[in-house]
Amino acid sequence: MARQRRIRHHVNPLGEKYAEPRAQRLSVPAHLGPHAQCDVELGCADAQFSFELARAHPDRLVVGLEIRERVAIWGQRLADAQALANLRIAYCNMNVDLDRVLAPQSVNRFHLLFPDPWFKPKHHKRRVIEAPLLAVLHSRLRAGGELHVASDVYEVALEVMAEIDGDPCSGFTNLSGPWRFCRDNPYGARSRREDTTHERGQRVWRLRWRVCE
């Protein structure tokens, strides 16, 4: 029997393999129509959050984007098997592909849940939330759209807050007030990492911003 290749838990988004833009533009399923609300989970992994959100809101388009192609393929097959016609799981390297995958002003909510902390100084360049990505997220959000970030690592959440709340020109307004976290999860869906964090009795550091009008 052929040995099954192991799927890596972490990949380097700056690696040569992922540097060439090649993700495909996502289209809205015909049954939803062009004005359907759209939620996008960035770096969805097993996409538990996206699956729960898609089941709870069949009238929305829910998109899970993942850099590990085998994980994305597996996720879409599972969505098809569960007849979740409003759920799309697709390959995307956020650093180079996001503006190709999503049309301008097409997203209501972005969700970035428990991103890799990359603690070592030499790995800090791999962290996700930086000014170039924020500009793309802002351009893809509809009027009143939201950016939702959650982490179980306080330092990571604080760095994201500093990147956005610390820049008066970021184009985002903190829904809990400047430099404040959001206590509750208002979305009716949880990632596997959030479940694990609560089981350990640990806190989720949650942040929510809205596009400035």
N, C-alpha and C. Protein backbone atom coordinates (compact mmCIF):
# COMPACT_ATOMS: atom_id res chain seq x y z
N MET A 1 0.85 -1.20 0.00
CA MET A 1 0.00 0.00 0.00
C MET A 1 0.88 1.24 0.00
N ALA A 2 0.54 2.20 -0.85
CA ALA A 2 1.33 3.41 -0.96
C ALA A 2 1.24 4.22 0.32
N ARG A 3 2.35 4.81 0.70
CA ARG A 3 2.39 5.60 1.91
C ARG A 3 1.73 6.96 1.67
N GLN A 4 0.83 7.35 2.55
CA GLN A 4 0.13 8.61 2.41
C GLN A 4 1.03 9.76 2.85
N ARG A 5 1.10 10.81 2.02
CA ARG A 5 1.91 11.98 2.35
C ARG A 5 1.26 12.77 3.48
N ARG A 6 2.09 13.18 4.42
CA ARG A 6 1.61 13.96 5.55
C ARG A 6 1.37 15.41 5.14
N ILE A 7 0.25 15.97 5.59
CA ILE A 7 -0.03 17.38 5.33
C ILE A 7 0.63 18.20 6.41
N ARG A 8 1.44 19.16 6.02
CA ARG A 8 2.17 19.98 6.98
C ARG A 8 1.22 20.91 7.71
N HIS A 9 1.49 21.11 9.01
CA HIS A 9 0.68 22.02 9.80
C HIS A 9 1.02 23.48 9.49
N HIS A 10 2.28 23.74 9.13
CA HIS A 10 2.72 25.10 8.86
C HIS A 10 3.47 25.12 7.53
N VAL A 11 3.29 26.17 6.76
CA VAL A 11 4.07 26.39 5.56
C VAL A 11 4.55 27.83 5.57
N ASN A 12 5.61 28.08 4.83
CA ASN A 12 6.16 29.43 4.73
C ASN A 12 5.47 30.16 3.58
N PRO A 13 4.59 31.14 3.87
CA PRO A 13 3.87 31.83 2.79
C PRO A 13 4.78 32.66 1.90
N LEU A 14 6.01 32.88 2.36
CA LEU A 14 6.96 33.66 1.55
C LEU A 14 7.86 32.76 0.72
N GLY A 15 7.65 31.45 0.82
CA GLY A 15 8.47 30.52 0.06
C GLY A 15 8.25 30.63 -1.45
N GLU A 16 9.23 30.20 -2.20
CA GLU A 16 9.17 30.32 -3.66
C GLU A 16 7.96 29.61 -4.25
N LYS A 17 7.58 28.50 -3.65
CA LYS A 17 6.45 27.72 -4.15
C LYS A 17 5.15 28.53 -4.17
N TYR A 18 5.03 29.46 -3.23
CA TYR A 18 3.78 30.22 -3.09
C TYR A 18 3.87 31.65 -3.59
N ALA A 19 5.03 32.03 -4.15
CA ALA A 19 5.26 33.43 -4.52
C ALA A 19 4.52 33.85 -5.79
N GLU A 20 4.25 32.89 -6.67
CA GLU A 20 3.61 33.22 -7.95
C GLU A 20 2.10 33.28 -7.78
N PRO A 21 1.47 34.42 -8.12
CA PRO A 21 0.00 34.49 -8.02
C PRO A 21 -0.65 33.47 -8.95
N ARG A 22 -1.53 32.62 -8.42
CA ARG A 22 -2.15 31.60 -9.26
C ARG A 22 -3.54 31.20 -8.79
N ALA A 23 -4.00 31.78 -7.69
CA ALA A 23 -5.35 31.46 -7.24
C ALA A 23 -6.38 32.01 -8.21
N GLN A 24 -7.55 31.40 -8.26
CA GLN A 24 -8.59 31.76 -9.20
C GLN A 24 -9.67 32.62 -8.55
N ARG A 25 -10.25 33.52 -9.33
CA ARG A 25 -11.34 34.37 -8.84
C ARG A 25 -12.53 33.50 -8.46
N LEU A 26 -13.09 33.76 -7.29
CA LEU A 26 -14.26 33.03 -6.83
C LEU A 26 -15.53 33.67 -7.39
N SER A 27 -16.46 32.84 -7.77
CA SER A 27 -17.75 33.33 -8.27
C SER A 27 -18.85 32.99 -7.27
N VAL A 28 -19.87 33.82 -7.24
CA VAL A 28 -20.99 33.60 -6.33
C VAL A 28 -21.92 32.55 -6.94
N PRO A 29 -22.28 31.51 -6.19
CA PRO A 29 -23.22 30.51 -6.72
C PRO A 29 -24.50 31.18 -7.21
N ALA A 30 -25.00 30.72 -8.34
CA ALA A 30 -26.13 31.38 -8.99
C ALA A 30 -27.35 31.47 -8.09
N HIS A 31 -27.55 30.47 -7.23
CA HIS A 31 -28.77 30.47 -6.41
C HIS A 31 -28.73 31.54 -5.33
N LEU A 32 -27.55 32.09 -5.02
CA LEU A 32 -27.45 33.13 -4.00
C LEU A 32 -27.65 34.53 -4.56
N GLY A 33 -27.26 34.73 -5.80
CA GLY A 33 -27.41 36.05 -6.41
C GLY A 33 -26.24 36.96 -6.07
N PRO A 34 -26.04 38.02 -6.84
CA PRO A 34 -24.85 38.87 -6.69
C PRO A 34 -24.84 39.71 -5.42
N HIS A 35 -25.97 39.85 -4.75
CA HIS A 35 -26.03 40.73 -3.58
C HIS A 35 -26.06 39.96 -2.26
N ALA A 36 -25.81 38.67 -2.32
CA ALA A 36 -25.79 37.87 -1.09
C ALA A 36 -24.65 38.31 -0.19
N GLN A 37 -24.89 38.26 1.11
CA GLN A 37 -23.81 38.56 2.05
C GLN A 37 -22.70 37.53 1.91
N CYS A 38 -21.49 37.95 2.22
CA CYS A 38 -20.32 37.08 2.04
C CYS A 38 -19.40 37.17 3.25
N ASP A 39 -19.10 36.01 3.84
CA ASP A 39 -18.11 35.90 4.91
C ASP A 39 -16.91 35.14 4.39
N VAL A 40 -15.71 35.62 4.71
CA VAL A 40 -14.48 34.97 4.25
C VAL A 40 -13.61 34.67 5.46
N GLU A 41 -13.27 33.39 5.63
CA GLU A 41 -12.33 32.98 6.68
C GLU A 41 -10.95 32.86 6.05
N LEU A 42 -10.01 33.60 6.59
CA LEU A 42 -8.64 33.64 6.06
C LEU A 42 -7.79 32.61 6.78
N GLY A 43 -7.16 31.71 6.01
CA GLY A 43 -6.37 30.65 6.64
C GLY A 43 -7.25 29.70 7.41
N CYS A 44 -8.20 29.08 6.71
CA CYS A 44 -9.30 28.36 7.39
C CYS A 44 -8.93 27.01 7.96
N ALA A 45 -7.80 26.42 7.55
CA ALA A 45 -7.40 25.08 8.03
C ALA A 45 -8.54 24.08 7.82
N ASP A 46 -9.03 23.43 8.88
CA ASP A 46 -10.10 22.44 8.70
C ASP A 46 -11.47 23.10 8.49
N ALA A 47 -11.52 24.44 8.63
CA ALA A 47 -12.71 25.24 8.27
C ALA A 47 -13.93 24.93 9.13
N GLN A 48 -13.73 24.48 10.36
CA GLN A 48 -14.89 24.23 11.22
C GLN A 48 -15.76 25.48 11.34
N PHE A 49 -15.12 26.64 11.51
CA PHE A 49 -15.87 27.90 11.62
C PHE A 49 -16.70 28.14 10.37
N SER A 50 -16.10 27.97 9.20
CA SER A 50 -16.81 28.21 7.94
C SER A 50 -17.95 27.23 7.75
N PHE A 51 -17.74 25.96 8.09
CA PHE A 51 -18.81 24.98 7.97
C PHE A 51 -19.99 25.34 8.87
N GLU A 52 -19.71 25.71 10.12
CA GLU A 52 -20.79 26.06 11.03
C GLU A 52 -21.52 27.32 10.55
N LEU A 53 -20.77 28.29 10.05
CA LEU A 53 -21.39 29.52 9.57
C LEU A 53 -22.25 29.26 8.34
N ALA A 54 -21.78 28.41 7.44
CA ALA A 54 -22.54 28.09 6.23
C ALA A 54 -23.84 27.36 6.57
N ARG A 55 -23.79 26.47 7.55
CA ARG A 55 -25.01 25.76 7.95
C ARG A 55 -26.01 26.72 8.59
N ALA A 56 -25.50 27.66 9.38
CA ALA A 56 -26.38 28.58 10.10
C ALA A 56 -26.97 29.65 9.18
N HIS A 57 -26.29 29.94 8.07
CA HIS A 57 -26.73 31.02 7.18
C HIS A 57 -26.72 30.54 5.72
N PRO A 58 -27.66 29.71 5.33
CA PRO A 58 -27.67 29.18 3.96
C PRO A 58 -27.87 30.24 2.89
N ASP A 59 -28.30 31.44 3.29
CA ASP A 59 -28.50 32.51 2.33
C ASP A 59 -27.23 33.32 2.09
N ARG A 60 -26.15 33.02 2.82
CA ARG A 60 -24.87 33.72 2.65
C ARG A 60 -23.90 32.87 1.85
N LEU A 61 -22.96 33.53 1.18
CA LEU A 61 -21.80 32.85 0.64
C LEU A 61 -20.73 32.85 1.72
N VAL A 62 -20.24 31.67 2.06
CA VAL A 62 -19.17 31.53 3.03
C VAL A 62 -17.96 30.95 2.31
N VAL A 63 -16.83 31.60 2.48
CA VAL A 63 -15.60 31.22 1.76
C VAL A 63 -14.50 30.95 2.78
N GLY A 64 -13.87 29.79 2.67
CA GLY A 64 -12.69 29.48 3.45
C GLY A 64 -11.48 29.46 2.54
N LEU A 65 -10.47 30.26 2.85
CA LEU A 65 -9.26 30.33 2.03
C LEU A 65 -8.09 29.72 2.80
N GLU A 66 -7.32 28.87 2.12
CA GLU A 66 -6.28 28.10 2.79
C GLU A 66 -5.08 27.95 1.85
N ILE A 67 -3.87 28.15 2.38
CA ILE A 67 -2.66 28.09 1.57
C ILE A 67 -2.23 26.65 1.26
N ARG A 68 -2.63 25.70 2.09
CA ARG A 68 -2.27 24.30 1.84
C ARG A 68 -3.31 23.70 0.89
N GLU A 69 -2.90 23.47 -0.34
CA GLU A 69 -3.85 23.08 -1.38
C GLU A 69 -4.56 21.78 -1.09
N ARG A 70 -3.87 20.80 -0.54
CA ARG A 70 -4.51 19.52 -0.24
C ARG A 70 -5.59 19.69 0.81
N VAL A 71 -5.36 20.60 1.78
CA VAL A 71 -6.37 20.87 2.79
C VAL A 71 -7.58 21.55 2.16
N ALA A 72 -7.33 22.49 1.24
CA ALA A 72 -8.44 23.18 0.57
C ALA A 72 -9.26 22.20 -0.28
N ILE A 73 -8.60 21.31 -0.99
CA ILE A 73 -9.30 20.32 -1.81
C ILE A 73 -10.15 19.41 -0.94
N TRP A 74 -9.56 18.94 0.16
CA TRP A 74 -10.31 18.09 1.10
C TRP A 74 -11.53 18.83 1.64
N GLY A 75 -11.36 20.11 1.99
CA GLY A 75 -12.46 20.89 2.54
C GLY A 75 -13.60 21.06 1.55
N GLN A 76 -13.27 21.33 0.29
CA GLN A 76 -14.33 21.50 -0.70
C GLN A 76 -15.06 20.18 -0.97
N ARG A 77 -14.33 19.09 -0.97
CA ARG A 77 -14.99 17.78 -1.14
C ARG A 77 -15.95 17.50 0.00
N LEU A 78 -15.56 17.86 1.20
CA LEU A 78 -16.43 17.66 2.35
C LEU A 78 -17.66 18.55 2.27
N ALA A 79 -17.48 19.80 1.84
CA ALA A 79 -18.61 20.72 1.66
C ALA A 79 -19.59 20.17 0.63
N ASP A 80 -19.05 19.62 -0.48
CA ASP A 80 -19.91 19.04 -1.51
C ASP A 80 -20.65 17.82 -0.97
N ALA A 81 -19.95 16.99 -0.19
CA ALA A 81 -20.57 15.79 0.36
C ALA A 81 -21.69 16.14 1.33
N GLN A 82 -21.58 17.28 2.00
CA GLN A 82 -22.61 17.71 2.94
C GLN A 82 -23.65 18.63 2.29
N ALA A 83 -23.56 18.76 0.97
CA ALA A 83 -24.53 19.55 0.20
C ALA A 83 -24.61 21.00 0.69
N LEU A 84 -23.46 21.55 1.06
CA LEU A 84 -23.41 22.96 1.46
C LEU A 84 -23.08 23.79 0.22
N ALA A 85 -24.12 24.10 -0.54
CA ALA A 85 -23.94 24.78 -1.82
C ALA A 85 -23.48 26.22 -1.65
N ASN A 86 -23.58 26.76 -0.44
CA ASN A 86 -23.17 28.15 -0.19
C ASN A 86 -21.76 28.25 0.38
N LEU A 87 -21.03 27.12 0.44
CA LEU A 87 -19.69 27.10 1.02
C LEU A 87 -18.65 26.80 -0.05
N ARG A 88 -17.62 27.62 -0.10
CA ARG A 88 -16.50 27.42 -1.01
C ARG A 88 -15.21 27.39 -0.20
N ILE A 89 -14.40 26.35 -0.40
CA ILE A 89 -13.08 26.25 0.21
C ILE A 89 -12.07 26.26 -0.93
N ALA A 90 -11.11 27.17 -0.88
CA ALA A 90 -10.23 27.34 -2.03
C ALA A 90 -8.81 27.69 -1.60
N TYR A 91 -7.87 27.42 -2.50
CA TYR A 91 -6.48 27.80 -2.29
C TYR A 91 -6.31 29.31 -2.39
N CYS A 92 -5.49 29.86 -1.49
CA CYS A 92 -5.13 31.27 -1.58
C CYS A 92 -3.93 31.54 -0.69
N ASN A 93 -2.94 32.22 -1.22
CA ASN A 93 -1.87 32.79 -0.40
C ASN A 93 -2.23 34.25 -0.20
N MET A 94 -2.60 34.61 1.01
CA MET A 94 -3.10 35.96 1.26
C MET A 94 -2.11 37.04 0.87
N ASN A 95 -0.82 36.71 0.92
CA ASN A 95 0.20 37.71 0.63
C ASN A 95 0.24 38.11 -0.84
N VAL A 96 -0.23 37.23 -1.72
CA VAL A 96 -0.10 37.52 -3.15
C VAL A 96 -1.39 37.33 -3.94
N ASP A 97 -2.37 36.60 -3.40
CA ASP A 97 -3.52 36.18 -4.22
C ASP A 97 -4.85 36.83 -3.86
N LEU A 98 -4.94 37.46 -2.70
CA LEU A 98 -6.26 37.83 -2.21
C LEU A 98 -7.00 38.77 -3.14
N ASP A 99 -6.29 39.71 -3.76
CA ASP A 99 -6.96 40.65 -4.67
C ASP A 99 -7.38 39.97 -5.96
N ARG A 100 -6.81 38.80 -6.27
CA ARG A 100 -7.21 38.05 -7.46
C ARG A 100 -8.45 37.20 -7.18
N VAL A 101 -8.56 36.73 -5.94
CA VAL A 101 -9.63 35.80 -5.57
C VAL A 101 -10.96 36.52 -5.36
N LEU A 102 -10.91 37.71 -4.76
CA LEU A 102 -12.12 38.41 -4.35
C LEU A 102 -12.27 39.72 -5.10
N ALA A 103 -13.47 39.99 -5.57
CA ALA A 103 -13.74 41.23 -6.29
C ALA A 103 -13.81 42.40 -5.30
N PRO A 104 -13.52 43.61 -5.76
CA PRO A 104 -13.64 44.78 -4.88
C PRO A 104 -15.06 44.91 -4.32
N GLN A 105 -15.13 45.29 -3.06
CA GLN A 105 -16.40 45.54 -2.37
C GLN A 105 -17.37 44.36 -2.52
N SER A 106 -16.87 43.16 -2.27
CA SER A 106 -17.69 41.95 -2.42
C SER A 106 -17.86 41.18 -1.12
N VAL A 107 -17.20 41.62 -0.03
CA VAL A 107 -17.17 40.87 1.22
C VAL A 107 -17.81 41.69 2.34
N ASN A 108 -18.61 41.02 3.16
CA ASN A 108 -19.22 41.67 4.33
C ASN A 108 -18.38 41.51 5.59
N ARG A 109 -17.72 40.34 5.72
CA ARG A 109 -16.95 40.09 6.92
C ARG A 109 -15.74 39.21 6.59
N PHE A 110 -14.57 39.65 7.04
CA PHE A 110 -13.36 38.83 7.02
C PHE A 110 -13.13 38.29 8.43
N HIS A 111 -12.74 37.01 8.52
CA HIS A 111 -12.45 36.38 9.80
C HIS A 111 -11.03 35.81 9.74
N LEU A 112 -10.16 36.30 10.61
CA LEU A 112 -8.80 35.76 10.74
C LEU A 112 -8.70 35.17 12.13
N LEU A 113 -8.71 33.85 12.21
CA LEU A 113 -8.86 33.16 13.48
C LEU A 113 -7.61 32.39 13.87
N PHE A 114 -7.02 32.77 14.98
CA PHE A 114 -5.89 32.07 15.57
C PHE A 114 -4.73 31.87 14.57
N PRO A 115 -4.23 32.99 14.03
CA PRO A 115 -3.10 32.86 13.10
C PRO A 115 -1.85 32.36 13.81
N ASP A 116 -0.96 31.73 13.06
CA ASP A 116 0.29 31.23 13.64
C ASP A 116 1.05 32.39 14.29
N PRO A 117 1.53 32.21 15.52
CA PRO A 117 2.18 33.33 16.21
C PRO A 117 3.57 33.68 15.69
N TRP A 118 4.31 32.71 15.11
CA TRP A 118 5.65 32.97 14.60
C TRP A 118 6.47 33.77 15.62
N PHE A 119 6.76 33.15 16.75
CA PHE A 119 7.42 33.83 17.86
C PHE A 119 8.86 34.24 17.54
N LYS A 120 9.60 33.41 16.82
CA LYS A 120 11.01 33.70 16.58
C LYS A 120 11.17 34.99 15.77
N PRO A 121 12.12 35.86 16.16
CA PRO A 121 12.30 37.12 15.42
C PRO A 121 12.52 36.92 13.93
N LYS A 122 13.23 35.87 13.53
CA LYS A 122 13.50 35.67 12.11
C LYS A 122 12.24 35.29 11.33
N HIS A 123 11.18 34.91 12.05
CA HIS A 123 9.93 34.53 11.40
C HIS A 123 8.87 35.64 11.43
N HIS A 124 9.18 36.78 12.05
CA HIS A 124 8.19 37.84 12.18
C HIS A 124 7.68 38.32 10.83
N LYS A 125 8.50 38.23 9.80
CA LYS A 125 8.09 38.68 8.47
C LYS A 125 6.98 37.82 7.90
N ARG A 126 6.73 36.65 8.49
CA ARG A 126 5.66 35.77 8.01
C ARG A 126 4.30 36.11 8.62
N ARG A 127 4.27 37.00 9.59
CA ARG A 127 2.99 37.33 10.22
C ARG A 127 2.05 37.97 9.23
N VAL A 128 0.77 37.81 9.48
CA VAL A 128 -0.23 38.10 8.45
C VAL A 128 -0.61 39.56 8.37
N ILE A 129 -1.01 40.17 9.48
CA ILE A 129 -1.59 41.50 9.42
C ILE A 129 -0.52 42.57 9.30
N GLU A 130 -0.40 43.12 8.11
CA GLU A 130 0.50 44.24 7.84
C GLU A 130 -0.22 45.19 6.90
N ALA A 131 0.35 46.38 6.73
CA ALA A 131 -0.32 47.43 5.96
C ALA A 131 -0.74 47.00 4.55
N PRO A 132 0.08 46.30 3.77
CA PRO A 132 -0.35 45.92 2.41
C PRO A 132 -1.60 45.02 2.42
N LEU A 133 -1.64 44.04 3.33
CA LEU A 133 -2.82 43.18 3.40
C LEU A 133 -4.03 43.96 3.87
N LEU A 134 -3.86 44.83 4.85
CA LEU A 134 -4.98 45.64 5.33
C LEU A 134 -5.59 46.46 4.20
N ALA A 135 -4.75 46.98 3.32
CA ALA A 135 -5.26 47.77 2.20
C ALA A 135 -6.12 46.91 1.28
N VAL A 136 -5.70 45.66 1.04
CA VAL A 136 -6.49 44.76 0.20
C VAL A 136 -7.80 44.41 0.89
N LEU A 137 -7.74 44.09 2.19
CA LEU A 137 -8.96 43.77 2.92
C LEU A 137 -9.94 44.93 2.87
N HIS A 138 -9.43 46.13 3.08
CA HIS A 138 -10.29 47.32 3.06
C HIS A 138 -10.96 47.47 1.70
N SER A 139 -10.22 47.23 0.63
CA SER A 139 -10.76 47.42 -0.72
C SER A 139 -11.79 46.36 -1.08
N ARG A 140 -11.73 45.20 -0.43
CA ARG A 140 -12.67 44.11 -0.74
C ARG A 140 -13.92 44.15 0.13
N LEU A 141 -13.90 44.89 1.22
CA LEU A 141 -15.06 44.98 2.09
C LEU A 141 -16.11 45.95 1.55
N ARG A 142 -17.36 45.57 1.72
CA ARG A 142 -18.47 46.45 1.36
C ARG A 142 -18.61 47.53 2.43
N ALA A 143 -19.41 48.54 2.14
CA ALA A 143 -19.68 49.59 3.12
C ALA A 143 -20.21 48.97 4.40
N GLY A 144 -19.65 49.33 5.52
CA GLY A 144 -20.05 48.75 6.80
C GLY A 144 -19.48 47.39 7.07
N GLY A 145 -18.58 46.90 6.21
CA GLY A 145 -18.00 45.58 6.38
C GLY A 145 -17.10 45.48 7.60
N GLU A 146 -16.86 44.24 8.05
CA GLU A 146 -16.13 44.01 9.29
C GLU A 146 -14.87 43.17 9.07
N LEU A 147 -13.90 43.41 9.92
CA LEU A 147 -12.72 42.56 10.05
C LEU A 147 -12.72 42.00 11.46
N HIS A 148 -12.69 40.69 11.56
CA HIS A 148 -12.77 39.98 12.85
C HIS A 148 -11.49 39.17 13.02
N VAL A 149 -10.79 39.41 14.12
CA VAL A 149 -9.54 38.71 14.42
C VAL A 149 -9.65 38.10 15.80
N ALA A 150 -9.21 36.85 15.96
CA ALA A 150 -9.20 36.21 17.27
C ALA A 150 -7.91 35.43 17.45
N SER A 151 -7.38 35.42 18.67
CA SER A 151 -6.17 34.67 18.97
C SER A 151 -6.19 34.24 20.43
N ASP A 152 -5.50 33.15 20.73
CA ASP A 152 -5.32 32.73 22.11
C ASP A 152 -3.97 33.18 22.64
N VAL A 153 -3.26 33.97 21.85
CA VAL A 153 -1.95 34.51 22.25
C VAL A 153 -2.09 36.02 22.37
N TYR A 154 -1.98 36.52 23.60
CA TYR A 154 -2.21 37.94 23.85
C TYR A 154 -1.27 38.81 23.02
N GLU A 155 0.01 38.42 22.91
CA GLU A 155 0.98 39.24 22.19
C GLU A 155 0.62 39.38 20.72
N VAL A 156 0.09 38.30 20.14
CA VAL A 156 -0.32 38.36 18.73
C VAL A 156 -1.51 39.30 18.56
N ALA A 157 -2.51 39.16 19.44
CA ALA A 157 -3.68 40.03 19.36
C ALA A 157 -3.28 41.49 19.56
N LEU A 158 -2.36 41.74 20.46
CA LEU A 158 -1.93 43.11 20.73
C LEU A 158 -1.19 43.70 19.53
N GLU A 159 -0.40 42.89 18.85
CA GLU A 159 0.30 43.38 17.67
C GLU A 159 -0.68 43.74 16.55
N VAL A 160 -1.71 42.91 16.39
CA VAL A 160 -2.73 43.23 15.38
C VAL A 160 -3.44 44.54 15.75
N MET A 161 -3.79 44.68 17.03
CA MET A 161 -4.44 45.91 17.48
C MET A 161 -3.56 47.13 17.21
N ALA A 162 -2.27 46.98 17.50
CA ALA A 162 -1.35 48.10 17.29
C ALA A 162 -1.26 48.46 15.82
N GLU A 163 -1.29 47.47 14.95
CA GLU A 163 -1.20 47.73 13.51
C GLU A 163 -2.39 48.52 13.01
N ILE A 164 -3.58 48.27 13.57
CA ILE A 164 -4.80 48.90 13.07
C ILE A 164 -5.18 50.12 13.91
N ASP A 165 -5.34 49.93 15.22
CA ASP A 165 -5.73 51.06 16.06
C ASP A 165 -4.61 52.09 16.17
N GLY A 166 -3.37 51.65 15.98
CA GLY A 166 -2.25 52.58 16.06
C GLY A 166 -2.05 53.41 14.82
N ASP A 167 -2.81 53.13 13.77
CA ASP A 167 -2.69 53.88 12.51
C ASP A 167 -3.98 54.64 12.26
N PRO A 168 -4.00 55.95 12.43
CA PRO A 168 -5.25 56.71 12.23
C PRO A 168 -5.74 56.69 10.79
N CYS A 169 -4.89 56.23 9.88
CA CYS A 169 -5.28 56.16 8.46
C CYS A 169 -5.59 54.74 8.02
N SER A 170 -5.79 53.84 8.97
CA SER A 170 -6.02 52.43 8.61
C SER A 170 -7.33 52.22 7.86
N GLY A 171 -8.30 53.10 8.10
CA GLY A 171 -9.61 52.94 7.46
C GLY A 171 -10.56 52.05 8.22
N PHE A 172 -10.16 51.64 9.45
CA PHE A 172 -10.99 50.77 10.27
C PHE A 172 -11.29 51.42 11.62
N THR A 173 -12.48 51.16 12.14
CA THR A 173 -12.88 51.64 13.47
C THR A 173 -13.13 50.46 14.38
N ASN A 174 -12.49 50.44 15.54
CA ASN A 174 -12.66 49.37 16.52
C ASN A 174 -14.08 49.44 17.08
N LEU A 175 -14.85 48.35 16.94
CA LEU A 175 -16.24 48.34 17.38
C LEU A 175 -16.38 48.36 18.89
N SER A 176 -15.33 48.00 19.62
CA SER A 176 -15.37 48.03 21.08
C SER A 176 -14.77 49.31 21.65
N GLY A 177 -14.31 50.18 20.76
CA GLY A 177 -13.60 51.38 21.20
C GLY A 177 -12.12 51.21 20.97
N PRO A 178 -11.37 52.32 20.77
CA PRO A 178 -9.94 52.22 20.49
C PRO A 178 -9.19 51.43 21.56
N TRP A 179 -8.33 50.52 21.11
CA TRP A 179 -7.45 49.75 21.97
C TRP A 179 -8.23 48.88 22.97
N ARG A 180 -9.39 48.37 22.51
CA ARG A 180 -10.18 47.51 23.38
C ARG A 180 -10.51 46.20 22.67
N PHE A 181 -10.58 45.13 23.46
CA PHE A 181 -10.94 43.82 22.93
C PHE A 181 -12.44 43.61 23.03
N CYS A 182 -12.93 42.66 22.24
CA CYS A 182 -14.34 42.26 22.28
C CYS A 182 -14.43 40.95 23.04
N ARG A 183 -15.29 40.89 24.04
CA ARG A 183 -15.38 39.70 24.89
C ARG A 183 -16.11 38.53 24.22
N ASP A 184 -17.23 38.81 23.57
CA ASP A 184 -18.11 37.74 23.11
C ASP A 184 -17.91 37.43 21.62
N ASN A 185 -18.33 36.24 21.26
CA ASN A 185 -18.34 35.81 19.86
C ASN A 185 -19.76 35.98 19.32
N PRO A 186 -19.99 36.97 18.45
CA PRO A 186 -21.35 37.24 17.99
C PRO A 186 -21.74 36.50 16.71
N TYR A 187 -20.89 35.58 16.24
CA TYR A 187 -21.09 35.02 14.91
C TYR A 187 -21.81 33.67 14.88
N GLY A 188 -22.02 33.06 16.04
CA GLY A 188 -22.74 31.80 16.06
C GLY A 188 -21.96 30.63 15.49
N ALA A 189 -20.63 30.76 15.40
CA ALA A 189 -19.77 29.69 14.89
C ALA A 189 -18.42 29.80 15.60
N ARG A 190 -17.77 28.65 15.77
CA ARG A 190 -16.48 28.65 16.46
C ARG A 190 -15.51 27.74 15.71
N SER A 191 -14.25 28.15 15.69
CA SER A 191 -13.21 27.31 15.10
C SER A 191 -12.83 26.22 16.08
N ARG A 192 -12.14 25.20 15.58
CA ARG A 192 -11.68 24.13 16.46
C ARG A 192 -10.72 24.67 17.52
N ARG A 193 -9.88 25.63 17.12
CA ARG A 193 -8.93 26.20 18.07
C ARG A 193 -9.66 26.96 19.18
N GLU A 194 -10.75 27.63 18.86
CA GLU A 194 -11.52 28.32 19.88
C GLU A 194 -12.13 27.32 20.87
N ASP A 195 -12.65 26.21 20.35
CA ASP A 195 -13.18 25.17 21.24
C ASP A 195 -12.10 24.68 22.21
N THR A 196 -10.91 24.42 21.66
CA THR A 196 -9.80 23.92 22.48
C THR A 196 -9.38 24.94 23.53
N THR A 197 -9.35 26.20 23.13
CA THR A 197 -8.97 27.27 24.06
C THR A 197 -9.93 27.35 25.23
N HIS A 198 -11.22 27.27 24.95
CA HIS A 198 -12.21 27.31 26.03
C HIS A 198 -12.13 26.06 26.91
N GLU A 199 -11.88 24.91 26.30
CA GLU A 199 -11.76 23.68 27.08
C GLU A 199 -10.60 23.76 28.06
N ARG A 200 -9.57 24.49 27.70
CA ARG A 200 -8.41 24.68 28.58
C ARG A 200 -8.63 25.77 29.61
N GLY A 201 -9.77 26.44 29.55
CA GLY A 201 -10.04 27.52 30.47
C GLY A 201 -9.29 28.79 30.16
N GLN A 202 -8.84 28.93 28.91
CA GLN A 202 -8.06 30.09 28.50
C GLN A 202 -8.95 31.11 27.79
N ARG A 203 -8.46 32.32 27.68
CA ARG A 203 -9.23 33.39 27.07
C ARG A 203 -8.94 33.50 25.59
N VAL A 204 -9.98 33.86 24.86
CA VAL A 204 -9.85 34.24 23.45
C VAL A 204 -9.76 35.76 23.39
N TRP A 205 -8.70 36.25 22.78
CA TRP A 205 -8.52 37.69 22.59
C TRP A 205 -9.12 38.06 21.24
N ARG A 206 -10.30 38.70 21.27
CA ARG A 206 -11.07 38.93 20.05
C ARG A 206 -11.12 40.43 19.73
N LEU A 207 -11.03 40.72 18.46
CA LEU A 207 -11.06 42.09 17.97
C LEU A 207 -12.00 42.20 16.78
N ARG A 208 -12.75 43.30 16.73
CA ARG A 208 -13.66 43.52 15.61
C ARG A 208 -13.56 44.98 15.17
N TRP A 209 -13.39 45.14 13.88
CA TRP A 209 -13.34 46.49 13.30
C TRP A 209 -14.38 46.62 12.19
N ARG A 210 -14.81 47.81 11.95
CA ARG A 210 -15.71 48.12 10.83
C ARG A 210 -15.03 49.13 9.91
N VAL A 211 -15.28 48.96 8.62
CA VAL A 211 -14.75 49.93 7.66
C VAL A 211 -15.31 51.30 7.95
N CYS A 212 -14.45 52.29 7.99
CA CYS A 212 -14.89 53.65 8.23
C CYS A 212 -15.80 54.11 7.10
N GLU A 213 -16.90 54.74 7.46
CA GLU A 213 -17.84 55.24 6.45
C GLU A 213 -17.28 56.49 5.78
